[in-house]
Amino acid sequence: MKRVLILTLSTALSGCMVGPDYKQPPMAAPAAYKEAPGWVQAQPADAIPKGEWWAVFNDPELNQLEPLVAINNQTLAADYAAFEQAEAITDEVRGQLFPTIGLTGSATRAGTGGSGAGSGPHTSGTFEGSVSWSPDIWGKIRRQIQVNNAAAQASAADLANATLSEQSLLATDYVDLRGSDAQINLLQQTVAAYQRSLQITQNQFNAGVATPLDVITARTQLEGAQAQLISAGEARAQYEHAIAVLVGHAPADLSLPAGPQIANVPEIPVGVPS
């Protein structure tokens, strides 16, 4: 009877947790996007894995670079360490709900004089065990576990958001890199055309057909195109360096050969709310 009473009392007290349960406050939201008839309220699904969304660009080089972000990116490594720390704190607090068992021991070895049967060295040992447990009667530990669980979930969400952000940044830099490749190719053709134009104008000037102003104009056009080509090359190098950092490499260790501009860029409908 006494044991039943103790179990009943423990069960009753276990429901006496400190503080009220959290309830999400209601938030009013419009049923539709008023500027565009037919739009309905969005259903957020941030926790759903995004998958290999970059595959829509149909670029083999980008498909190889994107998975490296989640593996080697240093920013994500710091976020992952924070997530692991939050989980470890939760596990540590959860362990306080259970008894703590300790065991200590010691051994000594000594010898006695004489030559009898009971003489000679012998070993003696002592062992001591302990068990301690503080019942969580008022639910303090359970409340702390709830808090730490929420913190771990928030850390996991931060990690997922940071991963998506870094992957998106890589895709943006890669598209800009291929845009720079196309611009460099066009400027190289432009420089070659202006070089031919300058040579023709110089020949015409030597023949007395063109004026000095014509030569100056042709040379100015050539030098302007050459300056643009240098700027485009510098921009491409910056994009390549940024991509190297995003995939966890030193800029000097990553070199992307020139490639065609991405053709399959998804179009965003006009008027889509942000």
Protein backbone atom coordinates (compact mmCIF):
# COMPACT_ATOMS: atom_id res chain seq x y z
CA MET A 1 0.00 0.00 0.00
CA LYS A 2 2.84 2.37 0.85
CA ARG A 3 4.55 1.66 -2.49
CA VAL A 4 1.33 2.33 -4.41
CA LEU A 5 0.90 5.63 -2.56
CA ILE A 6 4.44 6.72 -3.44
CA LEU A 7 3.97 5.86 -7.11
CA THR A 8 0.66 7.70 -7.21
CA LEU A 9 2.18 10.77 -5.57
CA SER A 10 5.14 10.75 -7.98
CA THR A 11 2.84 10.51 -10.98
CA ALA A 12 0.71 13.37 -9.74
CA LEU A 13 3.68 15.60 -9.03
CA SER A 14 5.20 14.88 -12.44
CA GLY A 15 2.36 16.81 -14.00
CA CYS A 16 3.11 19.89 -11.92
CA MET A 17 5.51 21.63 -14.28
CA VAL A 18 6.63 25.19 -13.67
CA GLY A 19 5.25 27.77 -16.08
CA PRO A 20 2.53 27.63 -18.75
CA ASP A 21 2.85 25.71 -22.02
CA TYR A 22 3.84 27.81 -25.01
CA LYS A 23 1.06 28.63 -27.45
CA GLN A 24 1.74 30.28 -30.77
CA PRO A 25 -0.03 33.64 -30.97
CA PRO A 26 -2.62 33.95 -33.74
CA MET A 27 -1.64 36.05 -36.74
CA ALA A 28 -4.11 37.40 -39.26
CA ALA A 29 -3.11 36.95 -42.90
CA PRO A 30 -4.92 37.92 -46.10
CA ALA A 31 -6.58 35.14 -48.03
CA ALA A 32 -5.16 36.28 -51.37
CA TYR A 33 -2.67 38.68 -52.94
CA LYS A 34 -4.91 41.65 -53.65
CA GLU A 35 -2.94 43.02 -56.62
CA ALA A 36 -3.28 39.78 -58.61
CA PRO A 37 -6.64 37.97 -58.71
CA GLY A 38 -6.26 34.24 -58.45
CA TRP A 39 -3.37 34.28 -55.99
CA VAL A 40 -3.93 32.29 -52.81
CA GLN A 41 -2.26 32.41 -49.44
CA ALA A 42 1.17 30.78 -49.45
CA GLN A 43 1.80 27.65 -47.45
CA PRO A 44 5.37 27.96 -46.10
CA ALA A 45 7.40 24.77 -46.27
CA ASP A 46 10.81 25.98 -45.15
CA ALA A 47 11.60 22.70 -43.39
CA ILE A 48 11.21 20.65 -46.57
CA PRO A 49 14.58 19.79 -48.19
CA LYS A 50 15.14 21.91 -51.29
CA GLY A 51 17.00 19.18 -53.17
CA GLU A 52 19.34 19.89 -56.06
CA TRP A 53 17.46 22.98 -57.21
CA TRP A 54 20.48 24.22 -59.18
CA ALA A 55 19.95 21.39 -61.68
CA VAL A 56 17.40 23.61 -63.48
CA PHE A 57 20.35 25.51 -64.98
CA ASN A 58 21.52 22.29 -66.68
CA ASP A 59 25.19 23.17 -66.25
CA PRO A 60 27.59 20.28 -65.48
CA GLU A 61 30.22 22.53 -63.87
CA LEU A 62 27.67 24.11 -61.53
CA ASN A 63 26.32 20.66 -60.65
CA GLN A 64 29.81 19.68 -59.47
CA LEU A 65 30.43 22.86 -57.49
CA GLU A 66 27.17 23.15 -55.55
CA PRO A 67 27.52 19.98 -53.40
CA LEU A 68 30.94 21.22 -52.23
CA VAL A 69 29.28 24.14 -50.42
CA ALA A 70 27.66 21.89 -47.82
CA ILE A 71 30.92 19.96 -47.35
CA ASN A 72 33.73 22.52 -47.35
CA ASN A 73 32.18 25.96 -46.75
CA GLN A 74 33.73 27.53 -43.64
CA THR A 75 30.68 29.61 -42.76
CA LEU A 76 28.52 26.50 -42.74
CA ALA A 77 31.15 24.68 -40.68
CA ALA A 78 30.70 27.29 -37.93
CA ASP A 79 26.90 27.01 -38.14
CA TYR A 80 27.12 23.22 -37.96
CA ALA A 81 29.34 23.45 -34.88
CA ALA A 82 26.74 25.70 -33.23
CA PHE A 83 24.03 23.17 -34.09
CA GLU A 84 26.04 20.29 -32.59
CA GLN A 85 26.65 22.36 -29.46
CA ALA A 86 22.92 23.02 -29.07
CA GLU A 87 22.17 19.31 -29.39
CA ALA A 88 24.89 18.43 -26.88
CA ILE A 89 23.44 20.88 -24.34
CA THR A 90 20.01 19.30 -24.79
CA ASP A 91 21.42 15.81 -24.23
CA GLU A 92 23.29 17.00 -21.15
CA VAL A 93 20.18 18.47 -19.55
CA ARG A 94 18.11 15.42 -20.51
CA GLY A 95 20.60 13.23 -18.65
CA GLN A 96 19.65 14.99 -15.40
CA LEU A 97 16.31 13.16 -15.47
CA PHE A 98 18.02 9.84 -14.79
CA PRO A 99 20.07 8.55 -11.84
CA THR A 100 23.80 9.15 -11.77
CA ILE A 101 25.88 6.07 -11.00
CA GLY A 102 29.46 6.33 -9.77
CA LEU A 103 32.09 3.70 -9.11
CA THR A 104 35.53 4.21 -7.59
CA GLY A 105 38.19 1.70 -6.67
CA SER A 106 41.72 1.37 -5.41
CA ALA A 107 44.26 -1.43 -5.10
CA THR A 108 47.40 -1.91 -3.02
CA ARG A 109 50.17 -4.47 -3.25
CA ALA A 110 52.32 -5.27 -0.27
CA GLY A 111 54.75 -7.95 0.86
CA THR A 112 55.46 -9.55 4.24
CA GLY A 113 58.68 -10.94 5.57
CA GLY A 114 59.34 -14.57 6.30
CA SER A 115 59.43 -17.76 4.29
CA GLY A 116 56.21 -19.40 5.39
CA ALA A 117 53.26 -20.34 3.19
CA GLY A 118 51.50 -17.08 3.98
CA SER A 119 54.45 -14.87 3.24
CA GLY A 120 55.18 -12.98 0.03
CA PRO A 121 53.48 -10.07 -1.77
CA HIS A 122 49.71 -9.85 -1.91
CA THR A 123 47.19 -7.45 -3.45
CA SER A 124 44.15 -5.95 -1.78
CA GLY A 125 41.51 -3.73 -3.33
CA THR A 126 38.50 -1.68 -2.33
CA PHE A 127 35.57 -0.61 -4.46
CA GLU A 128 32.89 1.92 -3.68
CA GLY A 129 29.74 2.62 -5.64
CA SER A 130 27.29 5.51 -5.41
CA VAL A 131 23.90 6.34 -6.88
CA SER A 132 22.32 9.78 -6.80
CA TRP A 133 19.07 11.03 -8.26
CA SER A 134 17.08 14.22 -7.83
CA PRO A 135 13.50 13.72 -9.04
CA ASP A 136 12.22 16.49 -11.28
CA ILE A 137 9.08 17.03 -9.21
CA TRP A 138 8.24 20.54 -10.41
CA GLY A 139 9.33 20.04 -14.00
CA LYS A 140 12.27 22.44 -13.95
CA ILE A 141 14.51 20.09 -15.91
CA ARG A 142 11.75 19.22 -18.37
CA ARG A 143 11.12 22.90 -19.00
CA GLN A 144 14.82 23.41 -19.60
CA ILE A 145 14.79 20.49 -22.04
CA GLN A 146 11.94 22.16 -23.94
CA VAL A 147 13.91 25.40 -24.10
CA ASN A 148 17.03 23.62 -25.31
CA ASN A 149 15.03 21.61 -27.86
CA ALA A 150 13.65 24.86 -29.25
CA ALA A 151 17.17 26.31 -29.37
CA ALA A 152 18.44 23.21 -31.20
CA GLN A 153 15.59 23.44 -33.70
CA ALA A 154 16.34 27.13 -34.26
CA SER A 155 20.02 26.28 -34.76
CA ALA A 156 19.06 23.59 -37.29
CA ALA A 157 16.88 26.11 -39.13
CA ASP A 158 19.76 28.61 -39.14
CA LEU A 159 22.04 25.95 -40.60
CA ALA A 160 19.55 25.06 -43.34
CA ASN A 161 18.98 28.73 -44.14
CA ALA A 162 22.71 29.45 -44.26
CA THR A 163 23.26 26.45 -46.54
CA LEU A 164 20.59 27.63 -48.95
CA SER A 165 21.99 31.18 -48.83
CA GLU A 166 25.55 30.07 -49.59
CA GLN A 167 24.36 27.79 -52.40
CA SER A 168 22.30 30.62 -53.89
CA LEU A 169 25.30 32.94 -53.69
CA LEU A 170 27.41 30.36 -55.51
CA ALA A 171 24.81 30.05 -58.28
CA THR A 172 24.67 33.84 -58.62
CA ASP A 173 28.46 34.16 -58.82
CA TYR A 174 28.63 31.31 -61.33
CA VAL A 175 26.01 32.90 -63.59
CA ASP A 176 27.92 36.20 -63.38
CA LEU A 177 31.15 34.35 -64.16
CA ARG A 178 29.68 32.89 -67.34
CA GLY A 179 28.30 36.32 -68.19
CA SER A 180 31.83 37.70 -67.86
CA ASP A 181 33.08 34.93 -70.17
CA ALA A 182 30.57 36.00 -72.80
CA GLN A 183 31.49 39.66 -72.33
CA ILE A 184 35.22 38.89 -72.60
CA ASN A 185 34.64 36.92 -75.79
CA LEU A 186 32.68 39.81 -77.30
CA LEU A 187 35.27 42.38 -76.23
CA GLN A 188 38.09 40.31 -77.69
CA GLN A 189 36.30 40.35 -81.02
CA THR A 190 35.70 44.09 -80.64
CA VAL A 191 39.38 44.76 -79.91
CA ALA A 192 40.40 42.75 -82.96
CA ALA A 193 37.94 44.71 -85.12
CA TYR A 194 39.19 48.06 -83.79
CA GLN A 195 42.79 46.99 -84.40
CA ARG A 196 41.95 46.31 -88.04
CA SER A 197 40.06 49.60 -88.24
CA LEU A 198 43.03 51.50 -86.81
CA GLN A 199 45.39 49.85 -89.28
CA ILE A 200 43.12 50.74 -92.19
CA THR A 201 42.76 54.32 -90.97
CA GLN A 202 46.52 54.63 -90.50
CA ASN A 203 47.09 53.37 -94.05
CA GLN A 204 44.52 55.86 -95.34
CA PHE A 205 46.26 58.65 -93.44
CA ASN A 206 49.62 57.63 -94.91
CA ALA A 207 48.01 57.76 -98.36
CA GLY A 208 46.61 61.22 -97.66
CA VAL A 209 42.98 60.07 -97.64
CA ALA A 210 42.25 60.21 -93.87
CA THR A 211 42.83 63.07 -91.44
CA PRO A 212 44.80 62.97 -88.16
CA LEU A 213 41.47 63.20 -86.33
CA ASP A 214 40.35 59.96 -87.97
CA VAL A 215 43.47 58.21 -86.68
CA ILE A 216 42.96 59.61 -83.18
CA THR A 217 39.32 58.48 -83.19
CA ALA A 218 40.23 54.96 -84.29
CA ARG A 219 42.97 54.72 -81.67
CA THR A 220 40.64 56.01 -78.94
CA GLN A 221 38.03 53.38 -79.82
CA LEU A 222 40.66 50.66 -79.66
CA GLU A 223 42.05 51.79 -76.32
CA GLY A 224 38.53 52.07 -74.86
CA ALA A 225 37.72 48.50 -75.89
CA GLN A 226 41.04 47.28 -74.47
CA ALA A 227 40.26 48.98 -71.13
CA GLN A 228 36.83 47.32 -71.04
CA LEU A 229 38.46 43.97 -71.75
CA ILE A 230 40.83 44.42 -68.81
CA SER A 231 37.93 45.36 -66.51
CA ALA A 232 35.93 42.33 -67.63
CA GLY A 233 38.91 40.08 -66.90
CA GLU A 234 39.26 41.56 -63.41
CA ALA A 235 35.54 41.05 -62.73
CA ARG A 236 35.79 37.43 -63.86
CA ALA A 237 38.74 36.86 -61.52
CA GLN A 238 36.72 38.26 -58.61
CA TYR A 239 33.80 35.93 -59.35
CA GLU A 240 36.18 32.98 -59.59
CA HIS A 241 37.79 33.89 -56.25
CA ALA A 242 34.37 34.20 -54.61
CA ILE A 243 33.38 30.76 -55.92
CA ALA A 244 36.61 29.29 -54.55
CA VAL A 245 35.86 30.64 -51.07
CA LEU A 246 32.27 29.36 -51.18
CA VAL A 247 33.40 25.81 -51.97
CA GLY A 248 36.11 25.91 -49.29
CA HIS A 249 39.20 26.37 -51.44
CA ALA A 250 41.88 29.02 -51.57
CA PRO A 251 41.42 31.31 -54.60
CA ALA A 252 44.79 30.20 -55.96
CA ASP A 253 43.71 26.54 -55.89
CA LEU A 254 40.61 26.87 -58.09
CA SER A 255 40.65 27.69 -61.78
CA LEU A 256 37.51 27.51 -63.90
CA PRO A 257 38.04 27.44 -67.66
CA ALA A 258 35.99 29.76 -69.82
CA GLY A 259 32.61 28.38 -70.77
CA PRO A 260 29.40 29.31 -72.55
CA GLN A 261 26.82 31.53 -70.94
CA ILE A 262 24.02 29.67 -69.14
CA ALA A 263 21.06 29.46 -71.48
CA ASN A 264 18.45 27.84 -69.22
CA VAL A 265 17.92 30.66 -66.73
CA PRO A 266 14.44 30.33 -65.16
CA GLU A 267 12.20 33.32 -65.73
CA ILE A 268 10.44 34.87 -62.74
CA PRO A 269 6.88 35.95 -63.55
CA VAL A 270 6.26 39.69 -63.36
CA GLY A 271 4.30 40.75 -60.29
CA VAL A 272 5.22 37.85 -58.02
CA PRO A 273 5.20 39.17 -54.43
CA SER A 274 8.49 38.91 -52.56
